[in-house]
Amino acid sequence: MTGAGFTPPPGGTVAGFGPPGLWLRARRLDDADAMAAMASLPKFRYGTLRPPFPGVEGTRAWMEKGGPDDLHIVAILDDRLVGAASLVRQGGRRRHVADFAIGVHDDVQGAGVGKALTHALVDAADRWLDLHRVELTVFADNAGAISLYRRFGFVEEGRLRDYAFRDGRYVDALCMGRIRS
């Protein structure tokens, strides 16, 4: 399914970044098993607020909560879900804002999957969703993610001290934002 003649299945698009054969598509409820499995991986979980041992039922319930203005996509490589990212639009007087979230499978971190997902969502925010501001929170020690976000125009806006309890201790997080110019 990968290689020079690769064509993504209907509803997907070739990522443009990352390993050959990587494609992106909208997240579906039948991705819940793969999403739960990915969220249980040590590196993936270390960068999120998720506790260990996520259940498929809880993952599916979380996925069902999405609003009609949210954009959730997944990255597929060799018929395997290897990443997911979301823009969750705010409402009311913050309708011009979306929260950005991303996670990449342990096996392909550093291979460009995060870059492909981030590019796709920033492009959608700017060209299709008319989002003026995209914001995120990232653990302050996640240098790889912070570097990726900076490449796409996110800037540090503040530090949240003792933001979360992770691996037996409290850790800081950074608030980052991107304003469309």
N, C-alpha and C. Protein backbone atom coordinates (compact mmCIF):
# COMPACT_ATOMS: atom_id res chain seq x y z
N MET A 1 0.80 -1.19 0.00
CA MET A 1 0.00 0.00 0.00
C MET A 1 0.85 1.27 0.00
N THR A 2 2.12 1.19 0.33
CA THR A 2 2.98 2.36 0.30
C THR A 2 3.86 2.31 -0.93
N GLY A 3 4.62 3.38 -1.16
CA GLY A 3 5.54 3.40 -2.28
C GLY A 3 5.19 4.47 -3.28
N ALA A 4 5.87 4.45 -4.43
CA ALA A 4 5.75 5.50 -5.43
C ALA A 4 4.34 5.62 -5.99
N GLY A 5 3.65 4.53 -6.16
CA GLY A 5 2.31 4.57 -6.74
C GLY A 5 1.21 4.63 -5.70
N PHE A 6 1.54 4.94 -4.46
CA PHE A 6 0.56 4.94 -3.38
C PHE A 6 -0.52 5.99 -3.60
N THR A 7 -1.76 5.59 -3.45
CA THR A 7 -2.90 6.50 -3.46
C THR A 7 -3.69 6.23 -2.20
N PRO A 8 -3.98 7.28 -1.41
CA PRO A 8 -4.72 7.04 -0.18
C PRO A 8 -6.15 6.60 -0.49
N PRO A 9 -6.74 5.85 0.42
CA PRO A 9 -8.14 5.48 0.25
C PRO A 9 -9.02 6.72 0.19
N PRO A 10 -10.25 6.59 -0.29
CA PRO A 10 -11.16 7.74 -0.35
C PRO A 10 -11.31 8.38 1.04
N GLY A 11 -11.37 9.68 1.06
CA GLY A 11 -11.54 10.40 2.32
C GLY A 11 -10.23 10.76 2.98
N GLY A 12 -9.11 10.38 2.38
CA GLY A 12 -7.81 10.70 2.95
C GLY A 12 -6.98 11.53 1.99
N THR A 13 -5.86 12.01 2.48
CA THR A 13 -4.95 12.77 1.64
C THR A 13 -3.52 12.42 2.02
N VAL A 14 -2.64 12.40 1.04
CA VAL A 14 -1.23 12.16 1.32
C VAL A 14 -0.73 13.31 2.18
N ALA A 15 0.04 13.00 3.20
CA ALA A 15 0.42 13.98 4.20
C ALA A 15 1.33 15.08 3.67
N GLY A 16 2.25 14.79 2.77
CA GLY A 16 3.19 15.79 2.29
C GLY A 16 4.44 15.89 3.16
N PHE A 17 4.39 15.39 4.36
CA PHE A 17 5.53 15.33 5.28
C PHE A 17 5.55 13.92 5.85
N GLY A 18 6.66 13.58 6.48
CA GLY A 18 6.72 12.29 7.16
C GLY A 18 7.14 11.17 6.24
N PRO A 19 7.03 9.94 6.74
CA PRO A 19 7.47 8.79 5.97
C PRO A 19 6.63 8.57 4.71
N PRO A 20 7.22 7.98 3.67
CA PRO A 20 6.44 7.68 2.46
C PRO A 20 5.23 6.81 2.81
N GLY A 21 4.10 7.14 2.19
CA GLY A 21 2.88 6.37 2.42
C GLY A 21 2.04 6.88 3.57
N LEU A 22 2.50 7.90 4.29
CA LEU A 22 1.71 8.48 5.37
C LEU A 22 0.54 9.23 4.77
N TRP A 23 -0.65 9.00 5.29
CA TRP A 23 -1.82 9.73 4.83
C TRP A 23 -2.67 10.14 6.02
N LEU A 24 -3.46 11.16 5.81
CA LEU A 24 -4.30 11.73 6.86
C LEU A 24 -5.76 11.62 6.45
N ARG A 25 -6.60 11.42 7.46
CA ARG A 25 -8.05 11.38 7.20
C ARG A 25 -8.77 11.81 8.47
N ALA A 26 -10.06 12.01 8.36
CA ALA A 26 -10.88 12.34 9.53
C ALA A 26 -10.90 11.16 10.48
N ARG A 27 -10.89 11.44 11.77
CA ARG A 27 -11.01 10.39 12.78
C ARG A 27 -12.42 9.83 12.74
N ARG A 28 -12.53 8.52 12.96
CA ARG A 28 -13.83 7.83 12.99
C ARG A 28 -13.99 7.11 14.32
N LEU A 29 -15.22 6.84 14.69
CA LEU A 29 -15.46 6.13 15.95
C LEU A 29 -14.84 4.74 15.96
N ASP A 30 -14.72 4.12 14.77
CA ASP A 30 -14.10 2.80 14.76
C ASP A 30 -12.58 2.86 14.95
N ASP A 31 -12.03 4.06 15.15
CA ASP A 31 -10.62 4.22 15.51
C ASP A 31 -10.40 4.08 17.02
N ALA A 32 -11.45 3.89 17.79
CA ALA A 32 -11.34 3.89 19.25
C ALA A 32 -10.35 2.84 19.77
N ASP A 33 -10.36 1.63 19.22
CA ASP A 33 -9.43 0.60 19.67
C ASP A 33 -7.98 1.04 19.46
N ALA A 34 -7.67 1.54 18.26
CA ALA A 34 -6.31 1.97 17.94
C ALA A 34 -5.92 3.20 18.76
N MET A 35 -6.88 4.11 18.98
CA MET A 35 -6.60 5.31 19.79
C MET A 35 -6.28 4.91 21.23
N ALA A 36 -7.04 3.99 21.80
CA ALA A 36 -6.79 3.54 23.18
C ALA A 36 -5.44 2.85 23.27
N ALA A 37 -5.11 2.02 22.29
CA ALA A 37 -3.82 1.33 22.30
C ALA A 37 -2.67 2.33 22.20
N MET A 38 -2.81 3.33 21.33
CA MET A 38 -1.76 4.33 21.19
C MET A 38 -1.60 5.14 22.47
N ALA A 39 -2.71 5.49 23.10
CA ALA A 39 -2.67 6.29 24.34
C ALA A 39 -2.07 5.53 25.51
N SER A 40 -1.97 4.22 25.40
CA SER A 40 -1.37 3.42 26.48
C SER A 40 0.14 3.29 26.35
N LEU A 41 0.71 3.75 25.23
CA LEU A 41 2.16 3.65 25.03
C LEU A 41 2.89 4.63 25.94
N PRO A 42 4.07 4.25 26.46
CA PRO A 42 4.75 5.07 27.46
C PRO A 42 5.12 6.49 27.00
N LYS A 43 5.72 6.63 25.83
CA LYS A 43 6.12 7.97 25.36
C LYS A 43 4.89 8.82 25.05
N PHE A 44 3.90 8.23 24.41
CA PHE A 44 2.68 8.96 24.08
C PHE A 44 2.05 9.48 25.36
N ARG A 45 1.84 8.60 26.32
CA ARG A 45 1.17 8.96 27.57
C ARG A 45 1.98 10.00 28.34
N TYR A 46 3.31 9.93 28.30
CA TYR A 46 4.17 10.84 29.04
C TYR A 46 3.93 12.30 28.64
N GLY A 47 3.51 12.52 27.41
CA GLY A 47 3.26 13.87 26.93
C GLY A 47 1.83 14.34 27.06
N THR A 48 0.98 13.55 27.70
CA THR A 48 -0.44 13.90 27.81
C THR A 48 -0.87 13.89 29.27
N LEU A 49 -2.11 14.22 29.50
CA LEU A 49 -2.70 14.16 30.84
C LEU A 49 -3.42 12.83 31.08
N ARG A 50 -3.31 11.91 30.16
CA ARG A 50 -4.03 10.63 30.28
C ARG A 50 -3.38 9.72 31.31
N PRO A 51 -4.20 9.05 32.10
CA PRO A 51 -3.66 8.06 33.05
C PRO A 51 -3.32 6.76 32.32
N PRO A 52 -2.59 5.87 32.98
CA PRO A 52 -2.27 4.59 32.33
C PRO A 52 -3.53 3.74 32.09
N PHE A 53 -3.40 2.81 31.20
CA PHE A 53 -4.42 1.79 30.91
C PHE A 53 -5.76 2.37 30.45
N PRO A 54 -5.75 3.16 29.38
CA PRO A 54 -7.02 3.69 28.89
C PRO A 54 -7.89 2.58 28.32
N GLY A 55 -9.16 2.60 28.64
CA GLY A 55 -10.09 1.61 28.11
C GLY A 55 -10.68 2.05 26.80
N VAL A 56 -11.07 1.10 25.99
CA VAL A 56 -11.67 1.40 24.70
C VAL A 56 -13.01 2.11 24.90
N GLU A 57 -13.80 1.68 25.88
CA GLU A 57 -15.11 2.29 26.11
C GLU A 57 -14.97 3.76 26.49
N GLY A 58 -14.02 4.07 27.37
CA GLY A 58 -13.79 5.46 27.76
C GLY A 58 -13.26 6.29 26.60
N THR A 59 -12.40 5.69 25.80
CA THR A 59 -11.87 6.39 24.63
C THR A 59 -13.00 6.69 23.65
N ARG A 60 -13.85 5.72 23.41
CA ARG A 60 -14.98 5.92 22.49
C ARG A 60 -15.93 7.00 23.02
N ALA A 61 -16.21 7.00 24.32
CA ALA A 61 -17.08 8.01 24.92
C ALA A 61 -16.47 9.41 24.77
N TRP A 62 -15.15 9.52 24.98
CA TRP A 62 -14.46 10.79 24.79
C TRP A 62 -14.56 11.25 23.33
N MET A 63 -14.40 10.31 22.41
CA MET A 63 -14.47 10.65 20.99
C MET A 63 -15.88 11.11 20.59
N GLU A 64 -16.90 10.55 21.21
CA GLU A 64 -18.28 10.90 20.87
C GLU A 64 -18.67 12.30 21.35
N LYS A 65 -17.90 12.87 22.28
CA LYS A 65 -18.24 14.18 22.84
C LYS A 65 -17.92 15.33 21.91
N GLY A 66 -17.23 15.10 20.83
CA GLY A 66 -16.81 16.18 19.95
C GLY A 66 -17.97 17.00 19.42
N GLY A 67 -17.72 18.29 19.24
CA GLY A 67 -18.74 19.19 18.71
C GLY A 67 -18.69 19.26 17.20
N PRO A 68 -19.73 19.84 16.60
CA PRO A 68 -19.79 19.90 15.13
C PRO A 68 -18.73 20.80 14.51
N ASP A 69 -18.17 21.74 15.28
CA ASP A 69 -17.15 22.64 14.75
C ASP A 69 -15.73 22.16 15.03
N ASP A 70 -15.59 21.00 15.65
CA ASP A 70 -14.27 20.45 15.96
C ASP A 70 -13.72 19.70 14.74
N LEU A 71 -12.41 19.69 14.63
CA LEU A 71 -11.75 18.95 13.55
C LEU A 71 -10.80 17.95 14.18
N HIS A 72 -11.04 16.67 13.92
CA HIS A 72 -10.20 15.59 14.45
C HIS A 72 -9.68 14.78 13.27
N ILE A 73 -8.36 14.63 13.20
CA ILE A 73 -7.77 13.85 12.11
C ILE A 73 -6.81 12.81 12.69
N VAL A 74 -6.55 11.79 11.88
CA VAL A 74 -5.59 10.76 12.26
C VAL A 74 -4.58 10.58 11.13
N ALA A 75 -3.42 10.06 11.51
CA ALA A 75 -2.37 9.72 10.55
C ALA A 75 -2.30 8.21 10.44
N ILE A 76 -2.26 7.72 9.21
CA ILE A 76 -2.22 6.29 8.93
C ILE A 76 -0.94 5.97 8.17
N LEU A 77 -0.24 4.93 8.61
CA LEU A 77 0.98 4.47 7.94
C LEU A 77 0.95 2.95 7.94
N ASP A 78 1.09 2.36 6.77
CA ASP A 78 1.06 0.90 6.64
C ASP A 78 -0.17 0.31 7.31
N ASP A 79 -1.32 0.91 7.03
CA ASP A 79 -2.62 0.45 7.55
C ASP A 79 -2.72 0.51 9.07
N ARG A 80 -1.91 1.35 9.71
CA ARG A 80 -1.89 1.44 11.17
C ARG A 80 -2.03 2.90 11.58
N LEU A 81 -2.88 3.16 12.55
CA LEU A 81 -3.04 4.50 13.08
C LEU A 81 -1.80 4.86 13.89
N VAL A 82 -1.10 5.95 13.48
CA VAL A 82 0.16 6.31 14.12
C VAL A 82 0.16 7.73 14.68
N GLY A 83 -0.97 8.39 14.63
CA GLY A 83 -1.04 9.73 15.19
C GLY A 83 -2.45 10.28 15.12
N ALA A 84 -2.70 11.27 15.96
CA ALA A 84 -4.01 11.92 15.98
C ALA A 84 -3.81 13.37 16.41
N ALA A 85 -4.66 14.23 15.88
CA ALA A 85 -4.59 15.65 16.25
C ALA A 85 -5.98 16.25 16.13
N SER A 86 -6.19 17.32 16.90
CA SER A 86 -7.52 17.95 16.94
C SER A 86 -7.43 19.45 17.08
N LEU A 87 -8.43 20.11 16.52
CA LEU A 87 -8.73 21.50 16.80
C LEU A 87 -10.13 21.51 17.41
N VAL A 88 -10.25 22.00 18.62
CA VAL A 88 -11.54 22.08 19.29
C VAL A 88 -11.89 23.56 19.41
N ARG A 89 -12.89 23.96 18.65
CA ARG A 89 -13.27 25.36 18.57
C ARG A 89 -14.00 25.80 19.83
N GLN A 90 -13.69 27.01 20.27
CA GLN A 90 -14.37 27.61 21.40
C GLN A 90 -15.67 28.25 20.92
N GLY A 91 -16.48 28.72 21.84
CA GLY A 91 -17.76 29.32 21.46
C GLY A 91 -17.88 30.75 21.93
N GLY A 92 -19.01 31.33 21.60
CA GLY A 92 -19.31 32.69 22.03
C GLY A 92 -18.29 33.69 21.52
N ARG A 93 -17.85 34.57 22.41
CA ARG A 93 -16.90 35.60 22.03
C ARG A 93 -15.50 35.06 21.81
N ARG A 94 -15.30 33.75 22.03
CA ARG A 94 -14.01 33.10 21.73
C ARG A 94 -14.15 32.14 20.55
N ARG A 95 -15.13 32.37 19.72
CA ARG A 95 -15.35 31.52 18.55
C ARG A 95 -14.20 31.57 17.55
N HIS A 96 -13.37 32.58 17.64
CA HIS A 96 -12.22 32.74 16.74
C HIS A 96 -11.02 31.91 17.22
N VAL A 97 -11.19 31.13 18.31
CA VAL A 97 -10.10 30.40 18.97
C VAL A 97 -10.38 28.90 18.94
N ALA A 98 -9.31 28.12 18.79
CA ALA A 98 -9.41 26.67 18.93
C ALA A 98 -8.26 26.17 19.77
N ASP A 99 -8.50 25.11 20.53
CA ASP A 99 -7.46 24.40 21.27
C ASP A 99 -6.89 23.32 20.37
N PHE A 100 -5.57 23.22 20.36
CA PHE A 100 -4.85 22.26 19.53
C PHE A 100 -4.34 21.13 20.42
N ALA A 101 -4.50 19.90 19.98
CA ALA A 101 -3.96 18.74 20.68
C ALA A 101 -3.41 17.76 19.66
N ILE A 102 -2.35 17.05 20.04
CA ILE A 102 -1.71 16.11 19.11
C ILE A 102 -1.07 14.99 19.91
N GLY A 103 -1.01 13.82 19.31
CA GLY A 103 -0.27 12.70 19.87
C GLY A 103 0.24 11.82 18.75
N VAL A 104 1.46 11.30 18.93
CA VAL A 104 2.10 10.47 17.91
C VAL A 104 2.54 9.15 18.54
N HIS A 105 2.31 8.07 17.83
CA HIS A 105 2.68 6.72 18.26
C HIS A 105 4.16 6.66 18.61
N ASP A 106 4.51 5.93 19.66
CA ASP A 106 5.90 5.81 20.11
C ASP A 106 6.85 5.38 18.98
N ASP A 107 6.40 4.47 18.12
CA ASP A 107 7.27 3.91 17.08
C ASP A 107 7.68 4.90 16.00
N VAL A 108 6.94 5.99 15.84
CA VAL A 108 7.23 6.92 14.74
C VAL A 108 7.50 8.34 15.23
N GLN A 109 7.71 8.53 16.51
CA GLN A 109 8.04 9.87 16.99
C GLN A 109 9.37 10.30 16.38
N GLY A 110 9.41 11.52 15.88
CA GLY A 110 10.61 12.05 15.23
C GLY A 110 10.69 11.76 13.74
N ALA A 111 9.69 11.08 13.18
CA ALA A 111 9.72 10.71 11.76
C ALA A 111 8.92 11.67 10.87
N GLY A 112 8.35 12.72 11.44
CA GLY A 112 7.60 13.68 10.64
C GLY A 112 6.09 13.55 10.72
N VAL A 113 5.59 12.59 11.49
CA VAL A 113 4.14 12.41 11.63
C VAL A 113 3.53 13.63 12.33
N GLY A 114 4.16 14.09 13.40
CA GLY A 114 3.68 15.28 14.10
C GLY A 114 3.69 16.51 13.21
N LYS A 115 4.72 16.64 12.39
CA LYS A 115 4.82 17.76 11.46
C LYS A 115 3.67 17.72 10.46
N ALA A 116 3.37 16.54 9.93
CA ALA A 116 2.28 16.39 8.97
C ALA A 116 0.94 16.75 9.60
N LEU A 117 0.68 16.25 10.80
CA LEU A 117 -0.58 16.54 11.49
C LEU A 117 -0.70 18.03 11.81
N THR A 118 0.39 18.62 12.32
CA THR A 118 0.37 20.03 12.67
C THR A 118 0.15 20.89 11.43
N HIS A 119 0.85 20.58 10.36
CA HIS A 119 0.67 21.33 9.11
C HIS A 119 -0.78 21.28 8.65
N ALA A 120 -1.36 20.10 8.67
CA ALA A 120 -2.75 19.94 8.20
C ALA A 120 -3.72 20.78 9.03
N LEU A 121 -3.54 20.78 10.35
CA LEU A 121 -4.48 21.53 11.18
C LEU A 121 -4.24 23.03 11.12
N VAL A 122 -3.00 23.47 11.05
CA VAL A 122 -2.73 24.90 10.92
C VAL A 122 -3.28 25.40 9.58
N ASP A 123 -3.09 24.62 8.52
CA ASP A 123 -3.63 24.98 7.21
C ASP A 123 -5.15 25.07 7.26
N ALA A 124 -5.80 24.11 7.89
CA ALA A 124 -7.26 24.13 8.01
C ALA A 124 -7.71 25.34 8.83
N ALA A 125 -7.00 25.63 9.91
CA ALA A 125 -7.35 26.76 10.77
C ALA A 125 -7.29 28.07 9.98
N ASP A 126 -6.25 28.23 9.18
CA ASP A 126 -6.04 29.47 8.44
C ASP A 126 -6.91 29.59 7.19
N ARG A 127 -7.03 28.51 6.43
CA ARG A 127 -7.64 28.60 5.10
C ARG A 127 -9.09 28.15 5.02
N TRP A 128 -9.56 27.42 6.03
CA TRP A 128 -10.90 26.85 5.94
C TRP A 128 -11.80 27.17 7.12
N LEU A 129 -11.22 27.32 8.29
CA LEU A 129 -12.04 27.48 9.51
C LEU A 129 -12.08 28.91 10.02
N ASP A 130 -11.32 29.81 9.42
CA ASP A 130 -11.26 31.20 9.83
C ASP A 130 -10.97 31.34 11.33
N LEU A 131 -10.00 30.56 11.79
CA LEU A 131 -9.56 30.66 13.17
C LEU A 131 -8.44 31.69 13.26
N HIS A 132 -8.63 32.66 14.10
CA HIS A 132 -7.63 33.72 14.27
C HIS A 132 -6.55 33.30 15.27
N ARG A 133 -6.93 32.49 16.27
CA ARG A 133 -6.01 32.10 17.32
C ARG A 133 -6.12 30.59 17.56
N VAL A 134 -4.96 29.94 17.66
CA VAL A 134 -4.89 28.53 18.05
C VAL A 134 -3.99 28.48 19.28
N GLU A 135 -4.43 27.76 20.31
CA GLU A 135 -3.66 27.69 21.55
C GLU A 135 -3.48 26.26 22.00
N LEU A 136 -2.44 26.04 22.80
CA LEU A 136 -2.14 24.71 23.30
C LEU A 136 -1.40 24.80 24.62
N THR A 137 -1.34 23.68 25.30
CA THR A 137 -0.55 23.53 26.51
C THR A 137 0.37 22.35 26.30
N VAL A 138 1.64 22.50 26.67
CA VAL A 138 2.64 21.46 26.46
C VAL A 138 3.52 21.38 27.70
N PHE A 139 3.90 20.17 28.09
CA PHE A 139 4.81 20.04 29.23
C PHE A 139 6.11 20.77 28.91
N ALA A 140 6.62 21.51 29.89
CA ALA A 140 7.79 22.38 29.68
C ALA A 140 9.05 21.59 29.32
N ASP A 141 9.10 20.29 29.64
CA ASP A 141 10.28 19.48 29.33
C ASP A 141 10.16 18.73 28.00
N ASN A 142 9.11 19.00 27.23
CA ASN A 142 8.90 18.32 25.95
C ASN A 142 9.53 19.15 24.83
N ALA A 143 10.86 19.12 24.78
CA ALA A 143 11.61 19.97 23.84
C ALA A 143 11.24 19.71 22.39
N GLY A 144 11.03 18.45 22.02
CA GLY A 144 10.68 18.12 20.63
C GLY A 144 9.37 18.75 20.21
N ALA A 145 8.36 18.64 21.05
CA ALA A 145 7.05 19.22 20.73
C ALA A 145 7.14 20.75 20.68
N ILE A 146 7.84 21.35 21.64
CA ILE A 146 7.96 22.80 21.68
C ILE A 146 8.64 23.30 20.41
N SER A 147 9.68 22.62 19.98
CA SER A 147 10.37 22.99 18.74
C SER A 147 9.43 22.90 17.54
N LEU A 148 8.65 21.82 17.46
CA LEU A 148 7.69 21.66 16.37
C LEU A 148 6.69 22.81 16.37
N TYR A 149 6.12 23.13 17.52
CA TYR A 149 5.13 24.19 17.59
C TYR A 149 5.73 25.54 17.18
N ARG A 150 6.94 25.81 17.60
CA ARG A 150 7.59 27.07 17.22
C ARG A 150 7.76 27.17 15.70
N ARG A 151 8.08 26.05 15.04
CA ARG A 151 8.23 26.06 13.57
C ARG A 151 6.94 26.47 12.87
N PHE A 152 5.81 26.24 13.53
CA PHE A 152 4.51 26.59 12.94
C PHE A 152 3.95 27.91 13.48
N GLY A 153 4.80 28.69 14.14
CA GLY A 153 4.39 30.03 14.54
C GLY A 153 3.83 30.16 15.94
N PHE A 154 3.83 29.09 16.73
CA PHE A 154 3.37 29.19 18.12
C PHE A 154 4.46 29.86 18.95
N VAL A 155 4.04 30.69 19.89
CA VAL A 155 4.98 31.34 20.80
C VAL A 155 4.56 31.06 22.24
N GLU A 156 5.55 31.03 23.12
CA GLU A 156 5.26 30.82 24.53
C GLU A 156 4.59 32.06 25.08
N GLU A 157 3.48 31.85 25.79
CA GLU A 157 2.72 32.95 26.38
C GLU A 157 2.72 32.91 27.90
N GLY A 158 3.13 31.82 28.47
CA GLY A 158 3.18 31.73 29.93
C GLY A 158 3.58 30.35 30.40
N ARG A 159 3.89 30.26 31.68
CA ARG A 159 4.29 29.00 32.30
C ARG A 159 3.33 28.69 33.43
N LEU A 160 2.85 27.47 33.46
CA LEU A 160 1.96 26.99 34.51
C LEU A 160 2.76 26.10 35.44
N ARG A 161 3.08 26.60 36.62
CA ARG A 161 3.91 25.87 37.57
C ARG A 161 3.12 24.73 38.20
N ASP A 162 3.79 23.58 38.36
CA ASP A 162 3.17 22.38 38.94
C ASP A 162 1.81 22.09 38.29
N TYR A 163 1.78 22.16 37.00
CA TYR A 163 0.55 22.03 36.21
C TYR A 163 -0.11 20.66 36.36
N ALA A 164 0.71 19.60 36.37
CA ALA A 164 0.14 18.25 36.41
C ALA A 164 1.06 17.31 37.18
N PHE A 165 0.48 16.25 37.69
CA PHE A 165 1.22 15.20 38.38
C PHE A 165 1.54 14.13 37.35
N ARG A 166 2.84 13.89 37.11
CA ARG A 166 3.26 12.93 36.09
C ARG A 166 4.43 12.13 36.63
N ASP A 167 4.31 10.84 36.57
CA ASP A 167 5.40 9.93 36.92
C ASP A 167 5.96 10.23 38.32
N GLY A 168 5.07 10.49 39.27
CA GLY A 168 5.46 10.65 40.66
C GLY A 168 5.87 12.04 41.09
N ARG A 169 5.75 13.04 40.18
CA ARG A 169 6.12 14.41 40.58
C ARG A 169 5.29 15.42 39.80
N TYR A 170 5.29 16.66 40.30
CA TYR A 170 4.59 17.73 39.61
C TYR A 170 5.51 18.32 38.54
N VAL A 171 4.92 18.63 37.39
CA VAL A 171 5.68 19.19 36.28
C VAL A 171 5.00 20.45 35.75
N ASP A 172 5.82 21.35 35.22
CA ASP A 172 5.32 22.59 34.64
C ASP A 172 4.85 22.36 33.21
N ALA A 173 4.03 23.28 32.76
CA ALA A 173 3.57 23.30 31.37
C ALA A 173 3.71 24.72 30.83
N LEU A 174 3.80 24.80 29.52
CA LEU A 174 3.84 26.08 28.85
C LEU A 174 2.51 26.30 28.11
N CYS A 175 2.03 27.51 28.16
CA CYS A 175 0.91 27.92 27.32
C CYS A 175 1.53 28.51 26.05
N MET A 176 1.08 28.04 24.91
CA MET A 176 1.58 28.57 23.64
C MET A 176 0.39 28.96 22.78
N GLY A 177 0.58 29.98 21.98
CA GLY A 177 -0.48 30.43 21.10
C GLY A 177 0.07 30.85 19.76
N ARG A 178 -0.81 30.82 18.78
CA ARG A 178 -0.47 31.22 17.41
C ARG A 178 -1.60 32.12 16.91
N ILE A 179 -1.22 33.31 16.51
CA ILE A 179 -2.19 34.26 15.96
C ILE A 179 -1.97 34.32 14.46
N ARG A 180 -3.06 34.12 13.72
CA ARG A 180 -2.96 34.21 12.26
C ARG A 180 -2.73 35.67 11.88
N SER A 181 -1.74 35.87 11.05
CA SER A 181 -1.43 37.26 10.64
C SER A 181 -2.07 37.59 9.31
